[in-house]
C-alpha atoms as a PDB file:
ATOM      1  CA  MET A   1     -24.688  24.341  21.529  1.00  0.00           C
ATOM      2  CA  LEU A   2     -23.785  26.782  18.763  1.00  0.00           C
ATOM      3  CA  LEU A   3     -20.198  25.531  18.813  1.00  0.00           C
ATOM      4  CA  SER A   4     -21.304  21.923  18.456  1.00  0.00           C
ATOM      5  CA  ARG A   5     -23.560  22.814  15.474  1.00  0.00           C
ATOM      6  CA  SER A   6     -20.632  24.581  13.808  1.00  0.00           C
ATOM      7  CA  LEU A   7     -18.418  21.607  14.528  1.00  0.00           C
ATOM      8  CA  ASN A   8     -21.066  19.209  13.174  1.00  0.00           C
ATOM      9  CA  SER A   9     -21.414  21.329  10.025  1.00  0.00           C
ATOM     10  CA  ALA A  10     -17.656  21.388   9.533  1.00  0.00           C
ATOM     11  CA  VAL A  11     -17.369  17.624   9.998  1.00  0.00           C
ATOM     12  CA  LEU A  12     -20.289  16.992   7.629  1.00  0.00           C
ATOM     13  CA  GLY A  13     -18.771  19.359   5.057  1.00  0.00           C
ATOM     14  CA  LEU A  14     -15.407  17.604   5.241  1.00  0.00           C
ATOM     15  CA  ALA A  15     -17.050  14.187   4.984  1.00  0.00           C
ATOM     16  CA  LEU A  16     -18.984  15.228   1.898  1.00  0.00           C
ATOM     17  CA  ALA A  17     -15.940  16.823   0.303  1.00  0.00           C
ATOM     18  CA  GLY A  18     -13.909  13.714   1.096  1.00  0.00           C
ATOM     19  CA  GLY A  19     -16.580  11.535  -0.463  1.00  0.00           C
ATOM     20  CA  LEU A  20     -16.596  13.641  -3.605  1.00  0.00           C
ATOM     21  CA  LEU A  21     -12.816  13.599  -3.859  1.00  0.00           C
ATOM     22  CA  ALA A  22     -12.589   9.865  -3.257  1.00  0.00           C
ATOM     23  CA  GLY A  23     -15.488   9.002  -5.559  1.00  0.00           C
ATOM     24  CA  CYS A  24     -15.427   7.148  -8.851  1.00  0.00           C
ATOM     25  CA  ASP A  25     -14.497   8.847 -12.084  1.00  0.00           C
ATOM     26  CA  ARG A  26     -17.384   7.700 -14.279  1.00  0.00           C
ATOM     27  CA  GLN A  27     -16.269   9.950 -17.132  1.00  0.00           C
ATOM     28  CA  SER A  28     -13.111   7.950 -17.829  1.00  0.00           C
ATOM     29  CA  GLY A  29     -14.672   4.550 -18.361  1.00  0.00           C
ATOM     30  CA  GLU A  30     -13.830   1.119 -16.967  1.00  0.00           C
ATOM     31  CA  LYS A  31     -10.056   1.276 -17.625  1.00  0.00           C
ATOM     32  CA  ALA A  32      -9.630   4.360 -15.429  1.00  0.00           C
ATOM     33  CA  GLN A  33     -11.359   2.572 -12.585  1.00  0.00           C
ATOM     34  CA  GLY A  34      -8.834  -0.313 -12.591  1.00  0.00           C
ATOM     35  CA  ALA A  35      -6.363   1.253 -10.182  1.00  0.00           C
ATOM     36  CA  ALA A  36      -9.068   1.728  -7.575  1.00  0.00           C
ATOM     37  CA  LYS A  37      -9.957  -1.982  -7.751  1.00  0.00           C
ATOM     38  CA  SER A  38      -6.500  -3.256  -6.817  1.00  0.00           C
ATOM     39  CA  ALA A  39      -6.476  -4.754  -3.341  1.00  0.00           C
ATOM     40  CA  ALA A  40      -2.657  -4.634  -3.357  1.00  0.00           C
ATOM     41  CA  CYS A  41      -2.479  -0.883  -2.885  1.00  0.00           C
ATOM     42  CA  THR A  42      -3.511   0.391   0.482  1.00  0.00           C
ATOM     43  CA  SER A  43      -2.486   4.034   0.437  1.00  0.00           C
ATOM     44  CA  ILE A  44      -1.360   6.767  -1.897  1.00  0.00           C
ATOM     45  CA  PRO A  45       1.232   7.918  -1.329  1.00  0.00           C
ATOM     46  CA  ALA A  46       2.261   4.481  -0.222  1.00  0.00           C
ATOM     47  CA  LYS A  47       4.427   3.870   2.810  1.00  0.00           C
ATOM     48  CA  VAL A  48       8.008   2.750   2.295  1.00  0.00           C
ATOM     49  CA  GLY A  49       8.014  -0.937   1.348  1.00  0.00           C
ATOM     50  CA  GLU A  50       4.300  -0.954   0.440  1.00  0.00           C
ATOM     51  CA  PRO A  51       2.774  -1.017  -3.063  1.00  0.00           C
ATOM     52  CA  ASP A  52       1.793   2.223  -4.767  1.00  0.00           C
ATOM     53  CA  CYS A  53      -0.676   1.998  -7.666  1.00  0.00           C
ATOM     54  CA  ALA A  54      -0.644   5.662  -8.666  1.00  0.00           C
ATOM     55  CA  LYS A  55       0.953   4.756 -12.015  1.00  0.00           C
ATOM     56  CA  GLN A  56      -0.938   1.497 -12.531  1.00  0.00           C
ATOM     57  CA  GLY A  57      -1.565   0.794 -16.200  1.00  0.00           C
ATOM     58  CA  ASN A  58       1.504   2.679 -17.500  1.00  0.00           C
ATOM     59  CA  GLN A  59       3.292   0.780 -20.251  1.00  0.00           C
ATOM     60  CA  LEU A  60       6.703  -0.828 -19.847  1.00  0.00           C
ATOM     61  CA  PRO A  61       9.200   1.821 -20.981  1.00  0.00           C
ATOM     62  CA  ASP A  62      11.211   1.345 -24.144  1.00  0.00           C
ATOM     63  CA  PHE A  63      14.721   1.464 -22.681  1.00  0.00           C
ATOM     64  CA  THR A  64      17.688  -0.729 -23.538  1.00  0.00           C
ATOM     65  CA  LEU A  65      19.889  -1.977 -20.723  1.00  0.00           C
ATOM     66  CA  GLU A  66      23.425  -3.253 -21.036  1.00  0.00           C
ATOM     67  CA  ASP A  67      25.511  -5.659 -18.984  1.00  0.00           C
ATOM     68  CA  PRO A  68      29.254  -5.267 -18.307  1.00  0.00           C
ATOM     69  CA  SER A  69      30.102  -7.479 -21.311  1.00  0.00           C
ATOM     70  CA  GLY A  70      28.079  -5.312 -23.736  1.00  0.00           C
ATOM     71  CA  LYS A  71      25.047  -7.633 -24.026  1.00  0.00           C
ATOM     72  CA  THR A  72      21.793  -5.641 -24.344  1.00  0.00           C
ATOM     73  CA  LEU A  73      18.205  -6.107 -23.186  1.00  0.00           C
ATOM     74  CA  SER A  74      15.276  -4.124 -24.530  1.00  0.00           C
ATOM     75  CA  LEU A  75      12.667  -3.689 -21.789  1.00  0.00           C
ATOM     76  CA  ALA A  76       9.920  -3.526 -24.447  1.00  0.00           C
ATOM     77  CA  SER A  77      10.890  -7.082 -25.484  1.00  0.00           C
ATOM     78  CA  LEU A  78       9.853  -8.385 -22.051  1.00  0.00           C
ATOM     79  CA  LYS A  79       6.124  -8.224 -22.826  1.00  0.00           C
ATOM     80  CA  GLY A  80       4.500 -11.638 -22.734  1.00  0.00           C
ATOM     81  CA  LYS A  81       5.604 -12.552 -19.223  1.00  0.00           C
ATOM     82  CA  PRO A  82       5.220 -10.707 -15.911  1.00  0.00           C
ATOM     83  CA  VAL A  83       8.365  -8.790 -14.997  1.00  0.00           C
ATOM     84  CA  LEU A  84       9.639  -7.206 -11.814  1.00  0.00           C
ATOM     85  CA  ILE A  85      12.162  -4.432 -12.417  1.00  0.00           C
ATOM     86  CA  ASN A  86      14.322  -3.684  -9.380  1.00  0.00           C
ATOM     87  CA  LEU A  87      16.569  -0.618  -9.342  1.00  0.00           C
ATOM     88  CA  TRP A  88      19.424  -1.057  -6.881  1.00  0.00           C
ATOM     89  CA  ALA A  89      23.091  -0.217  -6.237  1.00  0.00           C
ATOM     90  CA  THR A  90      26.055  -1.998  -4.677  1.00  0.00           C
ATOM     91  CA  TRP A  91      26.478   0.846  -2.137  1.00  0.00           C
ATOM     92  CA  CYS A  92      22.852   0.559  -0.951  1.00  0.00           C
ATOM     93  CA  ALA A  93      22.641  -1.787   2.065  1.00  0.00           C
ATOM     94  CA  PRO A  94      18.851  -2.454   1.818  1.00  0.00           C
ATOM     95  CA  CYS A  95      19.296  -3.183  -1.907  1.00  0.00           C
ATOM     96  CA  VAL A  96      22.032  -5.731  -1.228  1.00  0.00           C
ATOM     97  CA  ALA A  97      19.942  -7.356   1.519  1.00  0.00           C
ATOM     98  CA  GLU A  98      17.107  -7.946  -1.000  1.00  0.00           C
ATOM     99  CA  LEU A  99      19.261  -9.643  -3.631  1.00  0.00           C
ATOM    100  CA  PRO A 100      19.054 -13.244  -2.322  1.00  0.00           C
ATOM    101  CA  GLN A 101      15.264 -13.031  -2.006  1.00  0.00           C
ATOM    102  CA  LEU A 102      14.914 -11.529  -5.490  1.00  0.00           C
ATOM    103  CA  ASP A 103      17.222 -14.250  -6.813  1.00  0.00           C
ATOM    104  CA  ALA A 104      14.873 -16.870  -5.325  1.00  0.00           C
ATOM    105  CA  LEU A 105      11.899 -15.350  -7.200  1.00  0.00           C
ATOM    106  CA  VAL A 106      13.448 -16.108 -10.594  1.00  0.00           C
ATOM    107  CA  GLY A 107      11.644 -18.969 -12.303  1.00  0.00           C
ATOM    108  CA  GLU A 108       8.395 -18.597 -10.333  1.00  0.00           C
ATOM    109  CA  GLY A 109       6.563 -17.444 -13.468  1.00  0.00           C
ATOM    110  CA  LEU A 110       8.151 -14.027 -13.101  1.00  0.00           C
ATOM    111  CA  ARG A 111      11.092 -12.397 -14.857  1.00  0.00           C
ATOM    112  CA  VAL A 112      13.192 -10.444 -12.355  1.00  0.00           C
ATOM    113  CA  VAL A 113      15.340  -7.723 -13.902  1.00  0.00           C
ATOM    114  CA  THR A 114      17.710  -6.045 -11.464  1.00  0.00           C
ATOM    115  CA  VAL A 115      19.144  -2.793 -12.809  1.00  0.00           C
ATOM    116  CA  SER A 116      22.223  -1.393 -11.093  1.00  0.00           C
ATOM    117  CA  GLN A 117      22.512   2.359 -10.671  1.00  0.00           C
ATOM    118  CA  ASP A 118      26.265   2.127 -10.045  1.00  0.00           C
ATOM    119  CA  GLN A 119      28.622   4.425 -11.911  1.00  0.00           C
ATOM    120  CA  ASP A 120      31.441   1.824 -11.731  1.00  0.00           C
ATOM    121  CA  THR A 121      29.663  -0.796 -13.826  1.00  0.00           C
ATOM    122  CA  ALA A 122      32.619  -3.160 -14.118  1.00  0.00           C
ATOM    123  CA  LYS A 123      32.205  -4.395 -10.548  1.00  0.00           C
ATOM    124  CA  VAL A 124      28.476  -5.246 -10.672  1.00  0.00           C
ATOM    125  CA  ALA A 125      28.765  -8.787 -12.112  1.00  0.00           C
ATOM    126  CA  ASP A 126      31.504  -9.732  -9.624  1.00  0.00           C
ATOM    127  CA  PHE A 127      29.508  -8.169  -6.808  1.00  0.00           C
ATOM    128  CA  LEU A 128      26.504 -10.423  -7.580  1.00  0.00           C
ATOM    129  CA  LYS A 129      28.704 -13.506  -7.947  1.00  0.00           C
ATOM    130  CA  GLN A 130      30.490 -12.864  -4.622  1.00  0.00           C
ATOM    131  CA  ARG A 131      27.131 -12.794  -2.850  1.00  0.00           C
ATOM    132  CA  GLY A 132      26.006 -16.128  -4.274  1.00  0.00           C
ATOM    133  CA  VAL A 133      23.399 -14.632  -6.606  1.00  0.00           C
ATOM    134  CA  LYS A 134      22.859 -17.259  -9.297  1.00  0.00           C
ATOM    135  CA  HIS A 135      19.922 -16.099 -11.410  1.00  0.00           C
ATOM    136  CA  LEU A 136      19.955 -12.303 -11.483  1.00  0.00           C
ATOM    137  CA  GLU A 137      21.727 -10.708 -14.412  1.00  0.00           C
ATOM    138  CA  PRO A 138      23.963  -7.636 -13.940  1.00  0.00           C
ATOM    139  CA  TRP A 139      21.959  -5.108 -15.981  1.00  0.00           C
ATOM    140  CA  LEU A 140      23.214  -1.546 -15.799  1.00  0.00           C
ATOM    141  CA  ASP A 141      21.729   1.951 -15.927  1.00  0.00           C
ATOM    142  CA  ALA A 142      25.048   3.788 -15.633  1.00  0.00           C
ATOM    143  CA  LYS A 143      23.617   7.054 -16.998  1.00  0.00           C
ATOM    144  CA  ASN A 144      20.573   6.717 -14.700  1.00  0.00           C
ATOM    145  CA  ASP A 145      18.173   7.128 -17.648  1.00  0.00           C
ATOM    146  CA  LEU A 146      15.761   4.576 -16.208  1.00  0.00           C
ATOM    147  CA  SER A 147      15.845   6.083 -12.730  1.00  0.00           C
ATOM    148  CA  VAL A 148      15.120   9.506 -14.240  1.00  0.00           C
ATOM    149  CA  HIS A 149      12.217   8.005 -16.224  1.00  0.00           C
ATOM    150  CA  TYR A 150      10.749   6.494 -13.042  1.00  0.00           C
ATOM    151  CA  ASP A 151      11.622   9.612 -10.987  1.00  0.00           C
ATOM    152  CA  ILE A 152      13.432   7.422  -8.455  1.00  0.00           C
ATOM    153  CA  GLN A 153      14.239   9.174  -5.194  1.00  0.00           C
ATOM    154  CA  VAL A 154      14.961   6.090  -3.063  1.00  0.00           C
ATOM    155  CA  LEU A 155      16.745   2.805  -3.682  1.00  0.00           C
ATOM    156  CA  PRO A 156      15.716   0.079  -3.915  1.00  0.00           C
ATOM    157  CA  THR A 157      12.638   0.674  -6.036  1.00  0.00           C
ATOM    158  CA  SER A 158      10.746  -2.194  -7.664  1.00  0.00           C
ATOM    159  CA  ILE A 159       8.099  -1.980 -10.382  1.00  0.00           C
ATOM    160  CA  LEU A 160       5.844  -4.914 -11.288  1.00  0.00           C
ATOM    161  CA  TYR A 161       4.460  -5.264 -14.823  1.00  0.00           C
ATOM    162  CA  ASP A 162       1.881  -7.798 -15.980  1.00  0.00           C
ATOM    163  CA  ALA A 163       2.326  -9.963 -19.096  1.00  0.00           C
ATOM    164  CA  GLU A 164       0.833  -7.203 -21.284  1.00  0.00           C
ATOM    165  CA  GLY A 165       3.532  -4.797 -20.112  1.00  0.00           C
ATOM    166  CA  ARG A 166       1.235  -2.696 -17.898  1.00  0.00           C
ATOM    167  CA  GLU A 167       2.426  -1.471 -14.514  1.00  0.00           C
ATOM    168  CA  VAL A 168       0.641  -3.179 -11.620  1.00  0.00           C
ATOM    169  CA  TRP A 169       2.384  -1.383  -8.729  1.00  0.00           C
ATOM    170  CA  ARG A 170       5.711  -0.056  -7.548  1.00  0.00           C
ATOM    171  CA  ILE A 171       7.416  -0.338  -4.193  1.00  0.00           C
ATOM    172  CA  THR A 172       9.850   2.283  -2.969  1.00  0.00           C
ATOM    173  CA  GLY A 173      12.285   1.054  -0.344  1.00  0.00           C
ATOM    174  CA  PRO A 174      13.110  -2.444   0.853  1.00  0.00           C
ATOM    175  CA  ARG A 175      10.616  -5.312   0.933  1.00  0.00           C
ATOM    176  CA  GLU A 176      10.678  -8.854   2.281  1.00  0.00           C
ATOM    177  CA  TRP A 177      10.227 -10.745  -1.015  1.00  0.00           C
ATOM    178  CA  ASN A 178       9.861 -14.229   0.499  1.00  0.00           C
ATOM    179  CA  THR A 179       6.720 -13.638   2.592  1.00  0.00           C
ATOM    180  CA  GLU A 180       3.149 -14.817   1.979  1.00  0.00           C
ATOM    181  CA  ALA A 181       2.011 -11.183   1.844  1.00  0.00           C
ATOM    182  CA  THR A 182       4.441 -10.493  -1.007  1.00  0.00           C
ATOM    183  CA  LYS A 183       3.369 -13.656  -2.846  1.00  0.00           C
ATOM    184  CA  LYS A 184      -0.198 -12.327  -2.706  1.00  0.00           C
ATOM    185  CA  LEU A 185       0.997  -8.987  -4.111  1.00  0.00           C
ATOM    186  CA  LEU A 186       2.713 -10.740  -6.997  1.00  0.00           C
ATOM    187  CA  GLY A 187      -0.264 -13.047  -7.615  1.00  0.00           C
ATOM    188  CA  PRO A 188      -2.365 -10.801  -9.887  1.00  0.00           C
ATOM    189  CA  ALA A 189       0.508 -10.453 -12.370  1.00  0.00           C
ATOM    190  CA  LEU A 190       1.349 -14.162 -12.480  1.00  0.00           C
END
Protein backbone atom coordinates (compact mmCIF):
# COMPACT_ATOMS: atom_id res chain seq x y z
CA MET A 1 0.00 0.00 0.00
CA LEU A 2 2.84 2.37 0.86
CA LEU A 3 4.54 1.55 -2.44
CA SER A 4 1.39 2.32 -4.41
CA ARG A 5 0.98 5.70 -2.61
CA SER A 6 4.59 6.56 -3.46
CA LEU A 7 4.01 5.49 -7.04
CA ASN A 8 0.79 7.53 -7.21
CA SER A 9 2.60 10.57 -5.80
CA ALA A 10 5.41 10.19 -8.31
CA VAL A 11 2.98 9.84 -11.22
CA LEU A 12 0.95 12.85 -10.03
CA GLY A 13 4.14 14.89 -9.61
CA LEU A 14 5.31 14.02 -13.12
CA ALA A 15 1.89 14.80 -14.57
CA LEU A 16 1.84 18.20 -12.90
CA ALA A 17 5.40 18.98 -13.94
CA GLY A 18 4.59 17.89 -17.48
CA GLY A 19 1.53 20.12 -17.50
CA LEU A 20 3.57 23.08 -16.32
CA LEU A 21 6.28 22.46 -18.90
CA ALA A 22 3.80 21.99 -21.73
CA GLY A 23 1.62 24.94 -20.72
CA CYS A 24 1.07 28.21 -22.52
CA ASP A 25 3.53 31.06 -22.28
CA ARG A 26 1.14 33.91 -21.48
CA GLN A 27 4.02 36.32 -20.91
CA SER A 28 5.06 36.37 -24.57
CA GLY A 29 1.76 37.40 -26.10
CA GLU A 30 -0.23 36.02 -29.02
CA LYS A 31 2.69 35.78 -31.49
CA ALA A 32 4.63 33.40 -29.23
CA GLN A 33 1.62 31.12 -29.06
CA GLY A 34 1.47 30.68 -32.86
CA ALA A 35 3.80 27.70 -33.06
CA ALA A 36 1.68 25.76 -30.59
CA LYS A 37 -1.42 26.31 -32.76
CA SER A 38 -0.01 24.67 -35.88
CA ALA A 39 -1.70 21.35 -36.58
CA ALA A 40 1.10 20.49 -39.03
CA CYS A 41 3.66 19.81 -36.33
CA THR A 42 3.11 16.72 -34.29
CA SER A 43 6.31 16.35 -32.29
CA ILE A 44 9.42 18.24 -31.31
CA PRO A 45 11.92 17.04 -32.12
CA ALA A 46 10.12 15.88 -35.20
CA LYS A 47 10.64 12.47 -36.72
CA VAL A 48 12.53 12.20 -39.99
CA GLY A 49 10.24 13.29 -42.83
CA GLU A 50 7.77 15.03 -40.48
CA PRO A 51 7.34 18.78 -39.94
CA ASP A 52 9.17 20.52 -37.11
CA CYS A 53 7.84 23.91 -35.98
CA ALA A 54 10.54 24.71 -33.43
CA LYS A 55 11.73 27.64 -35.56
CA GLN A 56 8.29 28.72 -36.77
CA GLY A 57 8.11 32.47 -37.32
CA ASN A 58 11.82 32.94 -38.13
CA GLN A 59 12.36 35.29 -41.05
CA LEU A 60 13.62 34.19 -44.45
CA PRO A 61 17.41 34.60 -44.30
CA ASP A 62 19.15 37.23 -46.37
CA PHE A 63 21.43 35.00 -48.44
CA THR A 64 22.24 35.25 -52.13
CA LEU A 65 22.39 32.07 -54.18
CA GLU A 66 24.11 31.62 -57.51
CA ASP A 67 23.56 29.26 -60.42
CA PRO A 68 26.35 27.72 -62.53
CA SER A 69 26.06 30.55 -65.09
CA GLY A 70 26.57 33.27 -62.45
CA LYS A 71 22.91 34.36 -62.18
CA THR A 72 22.00 35.32 -58.58
CA LEU A 73 18.91 35.04 -56.40
CA SER A 74 18.43 36.93 -53.15
CA LEU A 75 16.32 34.84 -50.77
CA ALA A 76 15.01 38.05 -49.14
CA SER A 77 13.51 39.00 -52.53
CA LEU A 78 11.21 35.96 -52.39
CA LYS A 79 8.82 37.56 -49.88
CA GLY A 80 5.34 38.01 -51.31
CA LYS A 81 4.81 34.38 -52.29
CA PRO A 82 5.12 31.17 -50.27
CA VAL A 83 8.46 29.47 -50.84
CA LEU A 84 9.80 26.00 -50.13
CA ILE A 85 13.58 25.88 -49.84
CA ASN A 86 15.02 22.40 -50.35
CA LEU A 87 18.67 21.70 -49.58
CA TRP A 88 19.91 18.68 -51.50
CA ALA A 89 22.96 17.17 -53.25
CA THR A 90 23.55 15.05 -56.34
CA TRP A 91 25.26 12.36 -54.22
CA CYS A 92 22.25 12.05 -51.87
CA ALA A 93 19.92 9.27 -53.09
CA PRO A 94 16.82 10.42 -51.09
CA CYS A 95 17.39 13.97 -52.38
CA VAL A 96 17.48 12.80 -56.00
CA ALA A 97 14.35 10.68 -55.47
CA GLU A 98 12.44 13.81 -54.32
CA LEU A 99 13.36 15.95 -57.33
CA PRO A 100 10.52 14.90 -59.68
CA GLN A 101 7.90 15.45 -56.97
CA LEU A 102 9.37 18.85 -56.05
CA ASP A 103 9.44 19.73 -59.75
CA ALA A 104 5.70 18.95 -59.94
CA LEU A 105 4.99 21.38 -57.07
CA VAL A 106 6.26 24.36 -59.07
CA GLY A 107 3.39 26.57 -60.19
CA GLU A 108 0.94 25.38 -57.52
CA GLY A 109 1.04 28.80 -55.83
CA LEU A 110 4.40 27.92 -54.32
CA ARG A 111 7.94 28.87 -55.29
CA VAL A 112 10.25 25.87 -54.94
CA VAL A 113 13.92 26.75 -54.56
CA THR A 114 16.25 23.76 -54.60
CA VAL A 115 19.73 24.58 -53.32
CA SER A 116 22.52 22.14 -54.13
CA GLN A 117 25.17 21.49 -51.50
CA ASP A 118 27.56 20.03 -54.09
CA GLN A 119 31.15 21.20 -54.19
CA ASP A 120 31.37 20.50 -57.96
CA THR A 121 28.76 23.06 -58.97
CA ALA A 122 29.32 22.78 -62.71
CA LYS A 123 27.48 19.46 -62.91
CA VAL A 124 24.28 20.48 -61.07
CA ALA A 125 22.39 21.98 -64.05
CA ASP A 126 23.20 18.97 -66.26
CA PHE A 127 22.27 16.62 -63.44
CA LEU A 128 18.77 18.17 -63.20
CA LYS A 129 18.33 18.16 -66.98
CA GLN A 130 19.36 14.49 -67.29
CA ARG A 131 16.67 13.53 -64.79
CA GLY A 132 13.90 15.33 -66.67
CA VAL A 133 13.53 18.13 -64.12
CA LYS A 134 11.91 20.99 -66.02
CA HIS A 135 11.03 23.67 -63.47
CA LEU A 136 13.63 23.55 -60.70
CA GLU A 137 16.55 25.92 -61.06
CA PRO A 138 20.12 24.80 -60.23
CA TRP A 139 20.81 27.13 -57.28
CA LEU A 140 24.06 26.50 -55.47
CA ASP A 141 25.39 26.80 -51.92
CA ALA A 142 28.93 25.67 -52.74
CA LYS A 143 30.39 27.17 -49.55
CA ASN A 144 27.54 25.65 -47.49
CA ASP A 145 26.70 29.05 -45.95
CA LEU A 146 22.98 28.32 -46.05
CA SER A 147 23.35 24.85 -44.57
CA VAL A 148 25.45 26.33 -41.75
CA HIS A 149 22.77 28.99 -41.17
CA TYR A 150 20.07 26.30 -40.92
CA ASP A 151 22.38 23.96 -38.95
CA ILE A 152 21.69 21.19 -41.46
CA GLN A 153 22.79 17.75 -40.31
CA VAL A 154 20.80 15.65 -42.81
CA LEU A 155 19.97 16.00 -46.49
CA PRO A 156 17.45 16.59 -47.84
CA THR A 157 16.09 19.33 -45.61
CA SER A 158 13.13 21.48 -46.67
CA ILE A 159 11.94 24.72 -45.08
CA LEU A 160 8.54 26.26 -45.85
CA TYR A 161 8.03 30.03 -45.62
CA ASP A 162 4.72 31.86 -45.91
CA ALA A 163 4.20 34.89 -48.18
CA GLU A 164 5.44 37.23 -45.42
CA GLY A 165 8.75 35.36 -45.30
CA ARG A 166 8.09 33.64 -41.96
CA GLU A 167 9.08 30.02 -41.44
CA VAL A 168 6.08 27.69 -41.16
CA TRP A 169 7.95 24.40 -40.64
CA ARG A 170 10.98 22.43 -41.73
CA ILE A 171 11.32 18.79 -42.66
CA THR A 172 14.58 16.91 -42.20
CA GLY A 173 14.95 13.86 -44.41
CA PRO A 174 12.94 12.67 -47.39
CA ARG A 175 9.22 13.30 -47.83
CA GLU A 176 6.60 12.14 -50.32
CA TRP A 177 5.67 15.54 -51.81
CA ASN A 178 2.76 14.31 -53.95
CA THR A 179 0.50 12.97 -51.18
CA GLU A 180 -2.71 14.44 -49.74
CA ALA A 181 -1.04 14.66 -46.33
CA THR A 182 1.72 16.85 -47.78
CA LYS A 183 -0.80 19.03 -49.62
CA LYS A 184 -2.47 19.65 -46.25
CA LEU A 185 0.91 20.58 -44.76
CA LEU A 186 1.53 23.08 -47.54
CA GLY A 187 -2.02 24.47 -47.34
CA PRO A 188 -1.54 27.06 -44.56
CA ALA A 189 1.23 28.79 -46.52
CA LEU A 190 -0.65 28.88 -49.82
